[in-house]
Amino acid sequence: MRSVFFDPGQMTARLELEAPEEALDGQGGATVTFTAVASVWARIEPLAEVREERAGADVFTLTHRIWLRFRSDIRAGMRLRKGDRLFAIGTWRDPDETGRYLCCLCEEEGR
């Protein structure tokens, strides 16, 4: 198996890993809030920008590849935060299966 060549010195972005928490509203629904789980160093790589028109308005979707040190607690629905910027984690993988790094494909929210 080929090892991923990656310089950990490129992890210069400090991000907060956040997990969703549901609070029941008493009427059969729930409110979702996010709680910080960890503070991590990461590398953010912009990948693509997709422009669509929805209901007569331009909507932009920005996707990113975010590298961080391996963690076993990443789950669906989690997100990464850098200040006011939010990155919803879509998929993640250990690129060379060595338990050193995770490569997360994310969609930036609210941009």
C-alpha atoms as a PDB file:
ATOM      1  CA  MET A   1       0.000   0.000   0.000  1.00  0.00           C
ATOM      2  CA  ARG A   2       1.294   3.432  -0.933  1.00  0.00           C
ATOM      3  CA  SER A   3       1.733   5.925   1.911  1.00  0.00           C
ATOM      4  CA  VAL A   4       0.233   9.392   1.570  1.00  0.00           C
ATOM      5  CA  PHE A   5       2.938  12.029   1.385  1.00  0.00           C
ATOM      6  CA  PHE A   6       1.655  14.865   3.481  1.00  0.00           C
ATOM      7  CA  ASP A   7       3.517  17.560   5.378  1.00  0.00           C
ATOM      8  CA  PRO A   8       1.831  18.070   8.766  1.00  0.00           C
ATOM      9  CA  GLY A   9       3.356  21.570   8.780  1.00  0.00           C
ATOM     10  CA  GLN A  10       0.680  22.494   6.223  1.00  0.00           C
ATOM     11  CA  MET A  11      -1.984  22.128   8.923  1.00  0.00           C
ATOM     12  CA  THR A  12      -2.151  25.824   9.752  1.00  0.00           C
ATOM     13  CA  ALA A  13      -5.896  26.332  10.275  1.00  0.00           C
ATOM     14  CA  ARG A  14      -7.257  25.990  13.806  1.00  0.00           C
ATOM     15  CA  LEU A  15     -10.764  24.495  13.629  1.00  0.00           C
ATOM     16  CA  GLU A  16     -13.395  23.425  16.119  1.00  0.00           C
ATOM     17  CA  LEU A  17     -14.927  20.010  15.559  1.00  0.00           C
ATOM     18  CA  GLU A  18     -18.622  20.195  16.445  1.00  0.00           C
ATOM     19  CA  ALA A  19     -21.206  17.471  17.009  1.00  0.00           C
ATOM     20  CA  PRO A  20     -24.977  17.894  16.644  1.00  0.00           C
ATOM     21  CA  GLU A  21     -27.243  17.607  19.669  1.00  0.00           C
ATOM     22  CA  GLU A  22     -31.015  17.342  19.432  1.00  0.00           C
ATOM     23  CA  ALA A  23     -33.308  18.858  22.034  1.00  0.00           C
ATOM     24  CA  LEU A  24     -36.910  17.684  21.858  1.00  0.00           C
ATOM     25  CA  ASP A  25     -39.345  20.580  21.567  1.00  0.00           C
ATOM     26  CA  GLY A  26     -42.273  18.743  23.215  1.00  0.00           C
ATOM     27  CA  GLN A  27     -44.371  18.824  20.040  1.00  0.00           C
ATOM     28  CA  GLY A  28     -42.823  15.900  18.210  1.00  0.00           C
ATOM     29  CA  GLY A  29     -39.951  17.887  16.704  1.00  0.00           C
ATOM     30  CA  ALA A  30     -36.446  18.742  17.774  1.00  0.00           C
ATOM     31  CA  THR A  31     -34.048  21.656  17.725  1.00  0.00           C
ATOM     32  CA  VAL A  32     -30.509  20.874  16.609  1.00  0.00           C
ATOM     33  CA  THR A  33     -27.606  22.715  18.202  1.00  0.00           C
ATOM     34  CA  PHE A  34     -23.883  22.056  17.872  1.00  0.00           C
ATOM     35  CA  THR A  35     -21.407  21.512  20.679  1.00  0.00           C
ATOM     36  CA  ALA A  36     -17.619  21.758  20.370  1.00  0.00           C
ATOM     37  CA  VAL A  37     -15.977  18.336  20.731  1.00  0.00           C
ATOM     38  CA  ALA A  38     -12.341  19.213  20.036  1.00  0.00           C
ATOM     39  CA  SER A  39     -10.015  21.863  18.693  1.00  0.00           C
ATOM     40  CA  VAL A  40      -7.899  20.560  15.800  1.00  0.00           C
ATOM     41  CA  TRP A  41      -5.205  21.759  13.417  1.00  0.00           C
ATOM     42  CA  ALA A  42      -6.134  21.229   9.785  1.00  0.00           C
ATOM     43  CA  ARG A  43      -5.344  22.037   6.180  1.00  0.00           C
ATOM     44  CA  ILE A  44      -8.225  23.478   4.132  1.00  0.00           C
ATOM     45  CA  GLU A  45      -8.145  23.022   0.346  1.00  0.00           C
ATOM     46  CA  PRO A  46     -10.906  24.642  -1.743  1.00  0.00           C
ATOM     47  CA  LEU A  47     -12.053  22.231  -4.452  1.00  0.00           C
ATOM     48  CA  ALA A  48     -15.005  23.629  -6.373  1.00  0.00           C
ATOM     49  CA  GLU A  49     -17.609  26.342  -6.587  1.00  0.00           C
ATOM     50  CA  VAL A  50     -20.977  25.482  -8.081  1.00  0.00           C
ATOM     51  CA  ARG A  51     -23.469  28.210  -8.966  1.00  0.00           C
ATOM     52  CA  GLU A  52     -27.141  27.321  -9.264  1.00  0.00           C
ATOM     53  CA  GLU A  53     -30.322  29.291  -9.595  1.00  0.00           C
ATOM     54  CA  ARG A  54     -33.035  28.389  -7.093  1.00  0.00           C
ATOM     55  CA  ALA A  55     -36.303  30.294  -6.862  1.00  0.00           C
ATOM     56  CA  GLY A  56     -34.811  33.097  -8.958  1.00  0.00           C
ATOM     57  CA  ALA A  57     -31.767  33.582  -6.703  1.00  0.00           C
ATOM     58  CA  ASP A  58     -28.158  32.594  -7.280  1.00  0.00           C
ATOM     59  CA  VAL A  59     -26.976  29.962  -4.811  1.00  0.00           C
ATOM     60  CA  PHE A  60     -23.307  29.092  -4.474  1.00  0.00           C
ATOM     61  CA  THR A  61     -21.977  25.815  -3.085  1.00  0.00           C
ATOM     62  CA  LEU A  62     -18.321  25.722  -2.097  1.00  0.00           C
ATOM     63  CA  THR A  63     -16.660  22.376  -1.472  1.00  0.00           C
ATOM     64  CA  HIS A  64     -13.415  21.764   0.374  1.00  0.00           C
ATOM     65  CA  ARG A  65     -11.028  18.975   1.253  1.00  0.00           C
ATOM     66  CA  ILE A  66      -9.974  19.296   4.882  1.00  0.00           C
ATOM     67  CA  TRP A  67      -7.062  17.264   6.246  1.00  0.00           C
ATOM     68  CA  LEU A  68      -6.653  16.608   9.954  1.00  0.00           C
ATOM     69  CA  ARG A  69      -4.915  14.127  12.200  1.00  0.00           C
ATOM     70  CA  PHE A  70      -6.728  10.806  12.473  1.00  0.00           C
ATOM     71  CA  ARG A  71      -9.675  10.657  14.849  1.00  0.00           C
ATOM     72  CA  SER A  72     -11.979   7.714  15.443  1.00  0.00           C
ATOM     73  CA  ASP A  73     -14.909   9.844  16.648  1.00  0.00           C
ATOM     74  CA  ILE A  74     -15.926  11.497  13.341  1.00  0.00           C
ATOM     75  CA  ARG A  75     -19.610  10.837  12.619  1.00  0.00           C
ATOM     76  CA  ALA A  76     -22.224  11.818  10.064  1.00  0.00           C
ATOM     77  CA  GLY A  77     -23.740  15.236  10.792  1.00  0.00           C
ATOM     78  CA  MET A  78     -20.604  16.693  12.384  1.00  0.00           C
ATOM     79  CA  ARG A  79     -19.072  19.920  11.163  1.00  0.00           C
ATOM     80  CA  LEU A  80     -15.894  21.964  11.416  1.00  0.00           C
ATOM     81  CA  ARG A  81     -15.876  25.658  12.351  1.00  0.00           C
ATOM     82  CA  LYS A  82     -13.276  28.317  11.586  1.00  0.00           C
ATOM     83  CA  GLY A  83     -14.567  31.517  13.141  1.00  0.00           C
ATOM     84  CA  ASP A  84     -17.836  32.286  11.328  1.00  0.00           C
ATOM     85  CA  ARG A  85     -17.154  29.742   8.572  1.00  0.00           C
ATOM     86  CA  LEU A  86     -18.897  26.354   8.842  1.00  0.00           C
ATOM     87  CA  PHE A  87     -17.915  23.195   6.968  1.00  0.00           C
ATOM     88  CA  ALA A  88     -20.412  20.307   6.989  1.00  0.00           C
ATOM     89  CA  ILE A  89     -18.559  16.995   6.852  1.00  0.00           C
ATOM     90  CA  GLY A  90     -19.954  14.883   4.008  1.00  0.00           C
ATOM     91  CA  THR A  91     -17.544  11.970   3.861  1.00  0.00           C
ATOM     92  CA  TRP A  92     -14.199  11.152   5.422  1.00  0.00           C
ATOM     93  CA  ARG A  93     -11.526   8.551   4.920  1.00  0.00           C
ATOM     94  CA  ASP A  94      -8.101   7.439   6.046  1.00  0.00           C
ATOM     95  CA  PRO A  95      -6.356   7.841   2.662  1.00  0.00           C
ATOM     96  CA  ASP A  96      -3.608   5.255   3.207  1.00  0.00           C
ATOM     97  CA  GLU A  97      -5.198   3.298   6.092  1.00  0.00           C
ATOM     98  CA  THR A  98      -2.319   4.013   8.457  1.00  0.00           C
ATOM     99  CA  GLY A  99      -4.306   5.871  11.121  1.00  0.00           C
ATOM    100  CA  ARG A 100      -2.274   9.067  10.663  1.00  0.00           C
ATOM    101  CA  TYR A 101      -4.605  11.428   8.802  1.00  0.00           C
ATOM    102  CA  LEU A 102      -8.215  11.906   7.796  1.00  0.00           C
ATOM    103  CA  CYS A 103      -9.301  13.523   4.568  1.00  0.00           C
ATOM    104  CA  CYS A 104     -12.778  15.054   4.959  1.00  0.00           C
ATOM    105  CA  LEU A 105     -14.846  16.221   2.009  1.00  0.00           C
ATOM    106  CA  CYS A 106     -16.893  19.155   3.221  1.00  0.00           C
ATOM    107  CA  GLU A 107     -19.424  21.662   1.961  1.00  0.00           C
ATOM    108  CA  GLU A 108     -19.161  25.202   3.267  1.00  0.00           C
ATOM    109  CA  GLU A 109     -22.437  26.355   4.785  1.00  0.00           C
ATOM    110  CA  GLY A 110     -23.907  29.836   4.589  1.00  0.00           C
ATOM    111  CA  ARG A 111     -21.669  31.280   1.873  1.00  0.00           C
END
